[in-house]
Amino acid sequence: MSTFLDHFRDGGWGMFPTLGFGLVLLAVAVRYASRPERRFVPLLVTLNLLTVASGALGCVSGVIVTAQAYERASPELSPSIPFLGVGESLNNVAFALMFVVVGAMATSLGAWKIAREGDAIRAS
């Protein structure tokens, strides 16, 4: 059974920027959930985009490396090797999406608080 560290290692160098951007995204999303302010919305949007783009870049670069390595490999290699390389590369995208989903959950909580305050103002 694979562990988180196995998936992180399989993803390669692209996991590190995704981790960095994802952690910043989570910090801002939690801050927004606790005290929602309009000024954080553009930052949340761009951090979500940056996290997904980082994961996609890591994936694409991994697929490129897999294709180049397979091209130079001996003909006796299993034809399933490229699929294994693509699978390892997809760890980058999955990692980015985990951050985006958790960040979206926290951001939704902040949006819910704002909506609730609007209902309270209309009710009074």
Protein backbone atom coordinates (compact mmCIF):
# COMPACT_ATOMS: atom_id res chain seq x y z
CA MET A 1 0.00 0.00 0.00
CA SER A 2 1.33 3.43 -0.97
CA THR A 3 1.84 6.12 1.62
CA PHE A 4 1.60 9.86 1.22
CA LEU A 5 5.40 10.10 1.10
CA ASP A 6 5.52 7.54 -1.72
CA HIS A 7 3.10 9.65 -3.74
CA PHE A 8 5.04 12.82 -2.93
CA ARG A 9 8.31 11.21 -4.03
CA ASP A 10 6.72 9.80 -7.19
CA GLY A 11 5.46 13.27 -8.15
CA GLY A 12 9.02 14.60 -8.35
CA TRP A 13 10.20 18.19 -8.13
CA GLY A 14 6.77 19.62 -9.04
CA MET A 15 5.42 18.62 -5.66
CA PHE A 16 7.53 21.25 -3.86
CA PRO A 17 6.10 24.40 -5.48
CA THR A 18 2.63 22.86 -5.28
CA LEU A 19 3.16 22.28 -1.56
CA GLY A 20 4.34 25.86 -1.04
CA PHE A 21 1.51 27.51 -2.97
CA GLY A 22 -1.03 25.11 -1.45
CA LEU A 23 0.03 25.90 2.11
CA VAL A 24 -0.22 29.64 1.45
CA LEU A 25 -3.66 29.05 -0.11
CA LEU A 26 -4.81 27.16 2.99
CA ALA A 27 -3.50 29.86 5.33
CA VAL A 28 -5.37 32.59 3.45
CA ALA A 29 -8.52 30.45 3.16
CA VAL A 30 -8.53 29.74 6.90
CA ARG A 31 -8.02 33.45 7.60
CA TYR A 32 -10.93 34.25 5.27
CA ALA A 33 -13.10 31.61 6.96
CA SER A 34 -12.44 33.08 10.39
CA ARG A 35 -12.86 36.75 9.41
CA PRO A 36 -14.16 37.14 5.86
CA GLU A 37 -13.06 40.34 4.20
CA ARG A 38 -13.60 41.29 0.59
CA ARG A 39 -9.91 42.20 0.11
CA PHE A 40 -8.90 38.52 0.37
CA VAL A 41 -11.08 37.35 -2.55
CA PRO A 42 -8.63 38.28 -5.37
CA LEU A 43 -5.79 36.67 -3.41
CA LEU A 44 -7.82 33.48 -2.94
CA VAL A 45 -8.66 33.33 -6.64
CA THR A 46 -5.05 33.78 -7.73
CA LEU A 47 -3.69 31.32 -5.13
CA ASN A 48 -6.18 28.69 -6.32
CA LEU A 49 -5.09 29.26 -9.91
CA LEU A 50 -1.41 29.23 -8.96
CA THR A 51 -1.76 25.98 -7.02
CA VAL A 52 -3.57 24.22 -9.88
CA ALA A 53 -1.13 25.61 -12.47
CA SER A 54 1.81 24.43 -10.37
CA GLY A 55 0.36 20.93 -10.16
CA ALA A 56 -0.33 20.92 -13.90
CA LEU A 57 3.21 22.08 -14.69
CA GLY A 58 4.67 19.33 -12.52
CA CYS A 59 2.46 16.79 -14.28
CA VAL A 60 3.37 17.98 -17.77
CA SER A 61 7.08 18.03 -17.02
CA GLY A 62 6.81 14.49 -15.60
CA VAL A 63 5.07 13.26 -18.74
CA ILE A 64 7.80 14.88 -20.87
CA VAL A 65 10.53 13.15 -18.86
CA THR A 66 8.67 9.83 -19.14
CA ALA A 67 8.34 10.19 -22.92
CA GLN A 68 12.01 11.10 -23.36
CA ALA A 69 13.17 8.22 -21.17
CA TYR A 70 10.95 5.71 -22.93
CA GLU A 71 12.20 6.88 -26.32
CA ARG A 72 15.79 6.08 -25.31
CA ALA A 73 14.91 2.83 -23.52
CA SER A 74 15.55 -0.63 -24.85
CA PRO A 75 12.79 -2.23 -26.95
CA GLU A 76 12.40 -5.07 -24.43
CA LEU A 77 10.80 -2.77 -21.88
CA SER A 78 7.17 -3.34 -21.05
CA PRO A 79 4.72 -1.17 -22.98
CA SER A 80 3.06 -0.32 -19.66
CA ILE A 81 6.05 1.78 -18.53
CA PRO A 82 4.67 5.04 -20.04
CA PHE A 83 1.42 4.54 -18.14
CA LEU A 84 3.36 4.17 -14.89
CA GLY A 85 5.21 7.42 -15.64
CA VAL A 86 1.99 9.25 -16.39
CA GLY A 87 0.49 7.85 -13.20
CA GLU A 88 3.42 9.17 -11.19
CA SER A 89 3.10 12.54 -12.89
CA LEU A 90 -0.59 12.78 -12.02
CA ASN A 91 0.36 12.87 -8.34
CA ASN A 92 1.13 16.56 -8.89
CA VAL A 93 -2.39 17.30 -10.09
CA ALA A 94 -3.98 15.25 -7.32
CA PHE A 95 -1.89 17.08 -4.70
CA ALA A 96 -2.91 20.47 -6.10
CA LEU A 97 -6.57 19.47 -6.18
CA MET A 98 -6.43 18.39 -2.53
CA PHE A 99 -5.30 21.88 -1.55
CA VAL A 100 -7.92 23.53 -3.76
CA VAL A 101 -10.76 21.41 -2.35
CA VAL A 102 -9.81 22.07 1.29
CA GLY A 103 -9.23 25.75 0.51
CA ALA A 104 -12.63 25.97 -1.20
CA MET A 105 -14.29 24.40 1.84
CA ALA A 106 -12.73 27.03 4.12
CA THR A 107 -13.57 29.83 1.69
CA SER A 108 -17.17 28.59 1.51
CA LEU A 109 -17.40 28.89 5.27
CA GLY A 110 -16.35 32.53 5.03
CA ALA A 111 -18.85 33.16 2.24
CA TRP A 112 -21.56 31.51 4.32
CA LYS A 113 -20.75 33.89 7.21
CA ILE A 114 -21.07 36.88 4.88
CA ALA A 115 -24.39 35.59 3.52
CA ARG A 116 -25.68 35.03 7.04
CA GLU A 117 -24.74 38.58 8.04
CA GLY A 118 -26.65 39.88 5.01
CA ASP A 119 -29.75 37.93 6.10
CA ALA A 120 -29.41 39.33 9.63
CA ILE A 121 -29.21 42.90 8.28
CA ARG A 122 -32.30 42.41 6.08
CA ALA A 123 -34.25 40.85 8.97
CA SER A 124 -33.69 43.83 11.23
